[in-house]
C-alpha atoms as a PDB file:
ATOM      1  CA  MET A   1     -97.648 -10.649 -11.811  1.00  0.00           C
ATOM      2  CA  HIS A   2     -95.451  -7.842 -10.015  1.00  0.00           C
ATOM      3  CA  GLU A   3     -93.253 -11.043  -8.416  1.00  0.00           C
ATOM      4  CA  LEU A   4     -92.667 -12.349 -11.628  1.00  0.00           C
ATOM      5  CA  LEU A   5     -91.602  -9.103 -13.576  1.00  0.00           C
ATOM      6  CA  TYR A   6     -89.230  -8.949 -10.265  1.00  0.00           C
ATOM      7  CA  LEU A   7     -87.742 -11.991 -11.090  1.00  0.00           C
ATOM      8  CA  PHE A   8     -87.545 -12.139 -14.572  1.00  0.00           C
ATOM      9  CA  LYS A   9     -85.624  -8.689 -14.250  1.00  0.00           C
ATOM     10  CA  LEU A  10     -83.229 -10.174 -11.329  1.00  0.00           C
ATOM     11  CA  ARG A  11     -82.511 -13.275 -13.326  1.00  0.00           C
ATOM     12  CA  ILE A  12     -81.574 -10.959 -16.761  1.00  0.00           C
ATOM     13  CA  GLN A  13     -79.303  -8.722 -14.587  1.00  0.00           C
ATOM     14  CA  GLU A  14     -77.364 -12.168 -12.632  1.00  0.00           C
ATOM     15  CA  ASN A  15     -76.781 -13.191 -16.517  1.00  0.00           C
ATOM     16  CA  THR A  16     -75.603 -10.066 -17.670  1.00  0.00           C
ATOM     17  CA  LYS A  17     -73.500  -9.908 -14.417  1.00  0.00           C
ATOM     18  CA  ALA A  18     -72.095 -13.871 -15.378  1.00  0.00           C
ATOM     19  CA  LEU A  19     -71.228 -12.602 -19.036  1.00  0.00           C
ATOM     20  CA  GLU A  20     -69.503  -9.493 -17.873  1.00  0.00           C
ATOM     21  CA  HIS A  21     -67.548 -11.427 -15.215  1.00  0.00           C
ATOM     22  CA  GLY A  22     -66.660 -13.573 -18.631  1.00  0.00           C
ATOM     23  CA  LYS A  23     -65.496 -11.008 -20.354  1.00  0.00           C
ATOM     24  CA  LYS A  24     -63.339  -9.362 -17.827  1.00  0.00           C
ATOM     25  CA  TYR A  25     -61.918 -13.245 -17.546  1.00  0.00           C
ATOM     26  CA  LEU A  26     -60.982 -12.661 -21.245  1.00  0.00           C
ATOM     27  CA  GLU A  27     -59.541  -9.091 -20.837  1.00  0.00           C
ATOM     28  CA  ALA A  28     -57.218 -10.750 -17.925  1.00  0.00           C
ATOM     29  CA  ALA A  29     -56.618 -13.555 -19.823  1.00  0.00           C
ATOM     30  CA  ASN A  30     -55.360 -11.387 -22.721  1.00  0.00           C
ATOM     31  CA  LYS A  31     -53.353  -9.339 -20.987  1.00  0.00           C
ATOM     32  CA  SER A  32     -51.370 -12.316 -19.050  1.00  0.00           C
ATOM     33  CA  GLY A  33     -50.490 -13.747 -22.507  1.00  0.00           C
ATOM     34  CA  LYS A  34     -51.075 -17.213 -21.147  1.00  0.00           C
ATOM     35  CA  VAL A  35     -52.277 -19.354 -23.604  1.00  0.00           C
ATOM     36  CA  HIS A  36     -54.082 -21.833 -21.788  1.00  0.00           C
ATOM     37  CA  PHE A  37     -56.099 -19.043 -19.707  1.00  0.00           C
ATOM     38  CA  ILE A  38     -57.132 -17.344 -23.451  1.00  0.00           C
ATOM     39  CA  GLN A  39     -58.355 -20.468 -24.337  1.00  0.00           C
ATOM     40  CA  LEU A  40     -60.148 -21.431 -21.005  1.00  0.00           C
ATOM     41  CA  ALA A  41     -61.653 -17.798 -21.066  1.00  0.00           C
ATOM     42  CA  TYR A  42     -62.919 -18.207 -24.759  1.00  0.00           C
ATOM     43  CA  HIS A  43     -64.679 -21.789 -23.583  1.00  0.00           C
ATOM     44  CA  VAL A  44     -66.249 -20.208 -20.191  1.00  0.00           C
ATOM     45  CA  LEU A  45     -67.690 -17.623 -22.495  1.00  0.00           C
ATOM     46  CA  GLY A  46     -69.571 -19.922 -24.673  1.00  0.00           C
ATOM     47  CA  TRP A  47     -70.269 -22.025 -21.533  1.00  0.00           C
ATOM     48  CA  LEU A  48     -71.862 -19.470 -19.994  1.00  0.00           C
ATOM     49  CA  HIS A  49     -74.068 -18.077 -23.410  1.00  0.00           C
ATOM     50  CA  LEU A  50     -75.264 -22.049 -23.205  1.00  0.00           C
ATOM     51  CA  GLN A  51     -76.184 -22.177 -19.798  1.00  0.00           C
ATOM     52  CA  ILE A  52     -78.096 -18.894 -20.260  1.00  0.00           C
ATOM     53  CA  TYR A  53     -79.887 -20.215 -23.090  1.00  0.00           C
ATOM     54  CA  LEU A  54     -80.755 -23.701 -21.176  1.00  0.00           C
ATOM     55  CA  ASN A  55     -81.584 -21.903 -18.181  1.00  0.00           C
ATOM     56  CA  SER A  56     -84.239 -19.695 -20.045  1.00  0.00           C
ATOM     57  CA  SER A  57     -87.429 -19.879 -20.538  1.00  0.00           C
ATOM     58  CA  ALA A  58     -87.269 -17.761 -23.351  1.00  0.00           C
ATOM     59  CA  LYS A  59     -84.781 -19.804 -25.431  1.00  0.00           C
ATOM     60  CA  GLN A  60     -82.820 -16.861 -27.666  1.00  0.00           C
ATOM     61  CA  GLU A  61     -81.588 -18.243 -30.239  1.00  0.00           C
ATOM     62  CA  LEU A  62     -79.086 -15.657 -30.339  1.00  0.00           C
ATOM     63  CA  LEU A  63     -77.591 -17.144 -27.278  1.00  0.00           C
ATOM     64  CA  LEU A  64     -76.795 -20.207 -28.885  1.00  0.00           C
ATOM     65  CA  GLU A  65     -75.153 -18.528 -31.772  1.00  0.00           C
ATOM     66  CA  LYS A  66     -73.312 -16.857 -29.611  1.00  0.00           C
ATOM     67  CA  ALA A  67     -72.618 -19.895 -27.523  1.00  0.00           C
ATOM     68  CA  LYS A  68     -71.283 -21.431 -30.830  1.00  0.00           C
ATOM     69  CA  GLN A  69     -69.233 -18.897 -31.658  1.00  0.00           C
ATOM     70  CA  TRP A  70     -67.334 -18.860 -28.607  1.00  0.00           C
ATOM     71  CA  CYS A  71     -66.894 -22.311 -28.799  1.00  0.00           C
ATOM     72  CA  GLU A  72     -65.452 -22.286 -32.252  1.00  0.00           C
ATOM     73  CA  ARG A  73     -63.120 -19.360 -31.210  1.00  0.00           C
ATOM     74  CA  SER A  74     -62.044 -21.614 -28.692  1.00  0.00           C
ATOM     75  CA  LEU A  75     -61.003 -24.443 -31.230  1.00  0.00           C
ATOM     76  CA  THR A  76     -59.598 -22.225 -33.245  1.00  0.00           C
ATOM     77  CA  TYR A  77     -57.461 -20.671 -30.460  1.00  0.00           C
ATOM     78  CA  LEU A  78     -56.733 -24.263 -29.502  1.00  0.00           C
ATOM     79  CA  SER A  79     -55.484 -25.840 -33.013  1.00  0.00           C
ATOM     80  CA  LYS A  80     -53.409 -22.808 -33.279  1.00  0.00           C
ATOM     81  CA  HIS A  81     -51.986 -23.139 -29.841  1.00  0.00           C
ATOM     82  CA  ALA A  82     -51.954 -26.688 -28.826  1.00  0.00           C
ATOM     83  CA  LEU A  83     -48.460 -26.965 -28.431  1.00  0.00           C
ATOM     84  CA  ASP A  84     -48.071 -24.329 -26.666  1.00  0.00           C
ATOM     85  CA  ILE A  85     -50.530 -24.825 -24.293  1.00  0.00           C
ATOM     86  CA  ASP A  86     -49.364 -28.437 -23.979  1.00  0.00           C
ATOM     87  CA  CYS A  87     -45.665 -26.933 -23.424  1.00  0.00           C
ATOM     88  CA  ASP A  88     -46.700 -24.432 -20.547  1.00  0.00           C
ATOM     89  CA  LYS A  89     -46.146 -25.841 -17.538  1.00  0.00           C
ATOM     90  CA  GLU A  90     -48.496 -23.976 -15.235  1.00  0.00           C
END
C-alpha cells in the first residue's frame, strides 16, 4: 500500500514538473517575442494536459478542460498570427 501511495505521489510530482516546464517555456516564448515559439508553447501546454489526463487512472475532467482551453488559445493565436509565423525565416 505504501508503495502505491509513493508511486501516486511520484506521478503527481512528475506531472507538476512537466506543467511547470511548459509554463516556463511559454514565459520564455513570450519574452522572446517570436510568434512561432508562442504558438507552439500554447500547443505544448494543451498537449501536456491531455497526456497527463490520458496517463492518469483518475481521469480528472479538469485536465481535459484545460487541454481544450490551451489548444483553443493556440488556434486563436495561430489565426491572428499565421502570416507572421509564415513570414518568420527562423
